[in-house]
Amino acid sequence: SAPKGTILAFGGYSYSTGDVVTDPSLPVVGVGSRLNTAQVGYLQTLSLFGRTSNIVVELPYTWGTTVGTLEGEPARRDLSGVGPLHSGPCVGYDPSPRTHDLRGV
């Protein structure tokens, strides 16, 4: 865990590709997607209820393409947009049992 008062800005990227499973009753076949997601965020540590805690704010942006065949015709959909903003506290929890100092016993 980071010391209280630590401030961190971070970013990340992921790439996903693969087939999409659709309802067999739909007139869609051969669907596949390629998606890119970039994410930026901010984290700050603090003390909350005597525990090391974090306040986190994250914002993803996704773009990509889905292709397939719709009613026998090639179909394509390009998409891009900002995902849902995630924010909130995270309070540290230490489930380890406490031990007693037996020195001098």
C-alpha atoms as a PDB file:
ATOM      1  CA  SER A   1       0.000   0.000   0.000  1.00  0.00           C
ATOM      2  CA  ALA A   2       1.148   3.540  -0.702  1.00  0.00           C
ATOM      3  CA  PRO A   3       1.747   6.141   2.025  1.00  0.00           C
ATOM      4  CA  LYS A   4      -1.051   8.537   2.926  1.00  0.00           C
ATOM      5  CA  GLY A   5      -1.059  11.551   0.609  1.00  0.00           C
ATOM      6  CA  THR A   6       0.243   9.704  -2.444  1.00  0.00           C
ATOM      7  CA  ILE A   7      -1.199  11.032  -5.701  1.00  0.00           C
ATOM      8  CA  LEU A   8      -1.050   8.950  -8.864  1.00  0.00           C
ATOM      9  CA  ALA A   9      -2.202   9.620 -12.418  1.00  0.00           C
ATOM     10  CA  PHE A  10      -2.346   6.539 -14.626  1.00  0.00           C
ATOM     11  CA  GLY A  11      -3.329   5.353 -18.051  1.00  0.00           C
ATOM     12  CA  GLY A  12      -3.850   2.060 -19.792  1.00  0.00           C
ATOM     13  CA  TYR A  13      -4.738   0.443 -23.078  1.00  0.00           C
ATOM     14  CA  SER A  14      -6.352  -2.851 -24.078  1.00  0.00           C
ATOM     15  CA  TYR A  15      -7.163  -4.506 -27.393  1.00  0.00           C
ATOM     16  CA  SER A  16      -9.782  -7.229 -27.793  1.00  0.00           C
ATOM     17  CA  THR A  17     -10.706  -9.202 -30.872  1.00  0.00           C
ATOM     18  CA  GLY A  18     -12.914 -12.195 -31.456  1.00  0.00           C
ATOM     19  CA  ASP A  19     -16.139 -13.729 -32.631  1.00  0.00           C
ATOM     20  CA  VAL A  20     -19.481 -12.530 -31.285  1.00  0.00           C
ATOM     21  CA  VAL A  21     -22.099 -15.113 -30.330  1.00  0.00           C
ATOM     22  CA  THR A  22     -25.560 -14.070 -31.488  1.00  0.00           C
ATOM     23  CA  ASP A  23     -29.051 -15.448 -31.003  1.00  0.00           C
ATOM     24  CA  PRO A  24     -29.559 -18.182 -33.624  1.00  0.00           C
ATOM     25  CA  SER A  25     -33.008 -16.791 -34.457  1.00  0.00           C
ATOM     26  CA  LEU A  26     -31.454 -13.546 -35.768  1.00  0.00           C
ATOM     27  CA  PRO A  27     -30.542 -13.200 -39.466  1.00  0.00           C
ATOM     28  CA  VAL A  28     -26.913 -12.429 -38.524  1.00  0.00           C
ATOM     29  CA  VAL A  29     -23.889 -14.711 -39.083  1.00  0.00           C
ATOM     30  CA  GLY A  30     -20.094 -14.445 -38.991  1.00  0.00           C
ATOM     31  CA  VAL A  31     -19.984 -11.578 -36.515  1.00  0.00           C
ATOM     32  CA  GLY A  32     -16.597 -10.477 -35.212  1.00  0.00           C
ATOM     33  CA  SER A  33     -15.335  -7.416 -33.360  1.00  0.00           C
ATOM     34  CA  ARG A  34     -12.093  -5.532 -32.819  1.00  0.00           C
ATOM     35  CA  LEU A  35     -12.186  -3.134 -29.869  1.00  0.00           C
ATOM     36  CA  ASN A  36      -9.615  -0.717 -28.449  1.00  0.00           C
ATOM     37  CA  THR A  37      -9.961   0.845 -25.018  1.00  0.00           C
ATOM     38  CA  ALA A  38      -7.804   3.581 -23.513  1.00  0.00           C
ATOM     39  CA  GLN A  39      -8.273   4.565 -19.895  1.00  0.00           C
ATOM     40  CA  VAL A  40      -7.040   7.446 -17.765  1.00  0.00           C
ATOM     41  CA  GLY A  41      -7.375   7.764 -14.038  1.00  0.00           C
ATOM     42  CA  TYR A  42      -6.434   9.486 -10.827  1.00  0.00           C
ATOM     43  CA  LEU A  43      -5.831   7.958  -7.392  1.00  0.00           C
ATOM     44  CA  GLN A  44      -5.096   9.583  -4.050  1.00  0.00           C
ATOM     45  CA  THR A  45      -4.408   7.792  -0.782  1.00  0.00           C
ATOM     46  CA  LEU A  46      -5.711   9.081   2.539  1.00  0.00           C
ATOM     47  CA  SER A  47      -6.664   7.883   5.985  1.00  0.00           C
ATOM     48  CA  LEU A  48     -10.330   6.964   6.416  1.00  0.00           C
ATOM     49  CA  PHE A  49     -11.596   5.461   9.677  1.00  0.00           C
ATOM     50  CA  GLY A  50      -7.988   4.805  10.673  1.00  0.00           C
ATOM     51  CA  ARG A  51      -7.343   2.702   7.535  1.00  0.00           C
ATOM     52  CA  THR A  52      -5.292   3.475   4.466  1.00  0.00           C
ATOM     53  CA  SER A  53      -7.835   4.259   1.756  1.00  0.00           C
ATOM     54  CA  ASN A  54      -7.954   5.368  -1.866  1.00  0.00           C
ATOM     55  CA  ILE A  55     -10.127   7.752  -3.804  1.00  0.00           C
ATOM     56  CA  VAL A  56     -10.166   6.633  -7.447  1.00  0.00           C
ATOM     57  CA  VAL A  57     -11.556   8.253 -10.602  1.00  0.00           C
ATOM     58  CA  GLU A  58     -11.318   6.344 -13.913  1.00  0.00           C
ATOM     59  CA  LEU A  59     -12.588   7.202 -17.383  1.00  0.00           C
ATOM     60  CA  PRO A  60     -12.413   4.794 -20.370  1.00  0.00           C
ATOM     61  CA  TYR A  61     -12.720   5.615 -24.070  1.00  0.00           C
ATOM     62  CA  THR A  62     -13.503   2.767 -26.503  1.00  0.00           C
ATOM     63  CA  TRP A  63     -13.405   2.567 -30.296  1.00  0.00           C
ATOM     64  CA  GLY A  64     -13.643  -0.296 -32.709  1.00  0.00           C
ATOM     65  CA  THR A  65     -15.381  -2.141 -35.520  1.00  0.00           C
ATOM     66  CA  THR A  66     -17.875  -5.008 -35.705  1.00  0.00           C
ATOM     67  CA  VAL A  67     -18.425  -6.841 -38.990  1.00  0.00           C
ATOM     68  CA  GLY A  68     -20.717  -9.670 -40.060  1.00  0.00           C
ATOM     69  CA  THR A  69     -23.379 -10.722 -42.518  1.00  0.00           C
ATOM     70  CA  LEU A  70     -26.931  -9.422 -42.033  1.00  0.00           C
ATOM     71  CA  GLU A  71     -29.650 -11.069 -44.151  1.00  0.00           C
ATOM     72  CA  GLY A  72     -27.018 -12.196 -46.664  1.00  0.00           C
ATOM     73  CA  GLU A  73     -25.421  -8.742 -47.040  1.00  0.00           C
ATOM     74  CA  PRO A  74     -22.085  -7.631 -45.539  1.00  0.00           C
ATOM     75  CA  ALA A  75     -22.591  -5.325 -42.580  1.00  0.00           C
ATOM     76  CA  ARG A  76     -20.204  -3.150 -40.593  1.00  0.00           C
ATOM     77  CA  ARG A  77     -20.565  -0.933 -37.557  1.00  0.00           C
ATOM     78  CA  ASP A  78     -17.895   1.469 -36.360  1.00  0.00           C
ATOM     79  CA  LEU A  79     -18.213   2.703 -32.814  1.00  0.00           C
ATOM     80  CA  SER A  80     -16.454   5.072 -30.474  1.00  0.00           C
ATOM     81  CA  GLY A  81     -17.288   6.827 -27.255  1.00  0.00           C
ATOM     82  CA  VAL A  82     -16.572   7.573 -23.660  1.00  0.00           C
ATOM     83  CA  GLY A  83     -17.486   4.802 -21.223  1.00  0.00           C
ATOM     84  CA  PRO A  84     -19.002   5.249 -17.790  1.00  0.00           C
ATOM     85  CA  LEU A  85     -17.042   7.327 -15.278  1.00  0.00           C
ATOM     86  CA  HIS A  86     -16.039   5.228 -12.283  1.00  0.00           C
ATOM     87  CA  SER A  87     -15.259   6.929  -8.999  1.00  0.00           C
ATOM     88  CA  GLY A  88     -15.370   6.085  -5.369  1.00  0.00           C
ATOM     89  CA  PRO A  89     -13.510   5.258  -2.193  1.00  0.00           C
ATOM     90  CA  CYS A  90     -11.729   2.025  -1.423  1.00  0.00           C
ATOM     91  CA  VAL A  91     -11.105   1.418   2.288  1.00  0.00           C
ATOM     92  CA  GLY A  92      -8.272  -0.920   3.167  1.00  0.00           C
ATOM     93  CA  TYR A  93      -9.092  -4.087   5.081  1.00  0.00           C
ATOM     94  CA  ASP A  94      -6.517  -6.304   6.780  1.00  0.00           C
ATOM     95  CA  PRO A  95      -7.992  -9.777   7.457  1.00  0.00           C
ATOM     96  CA  SER A  96      -4.761 -11.198   8.873  1.00  0.00           C
ATOM     97  CA  PRO A  97      -4.933 -12.313  12.508  1.00  0.00           C
ATOM     98  CA  ARG A  98      -3.103 -10.206  15.046  1.00  0.00           C
ATOM     99  CA  THR A  99      -0.124 -11.787  16.749  1.00  0.00           C
ATOM    100  CA  HIS A 100       1.157 -11.071  20.209  1.00  0.00           C
ATOM    101  CA  ASP A 101       4.722 -10.126  20.930  1.00  0.00           C
ATOM    102  CA  LEU A 102       6.067 -12.995  23.003  1.00  0.00           C
ATOM    103  CA  ARG A 103       9.560 -11.550  23.502  1.00  0.00           C
ATOM    104  CA  GLY A 104      10.573 -11.615  27.104  1.00  0.00           C
ATOM    105  CA  VAL A 105       8.038 -14.290  28.041  1.00  0.00           C
END
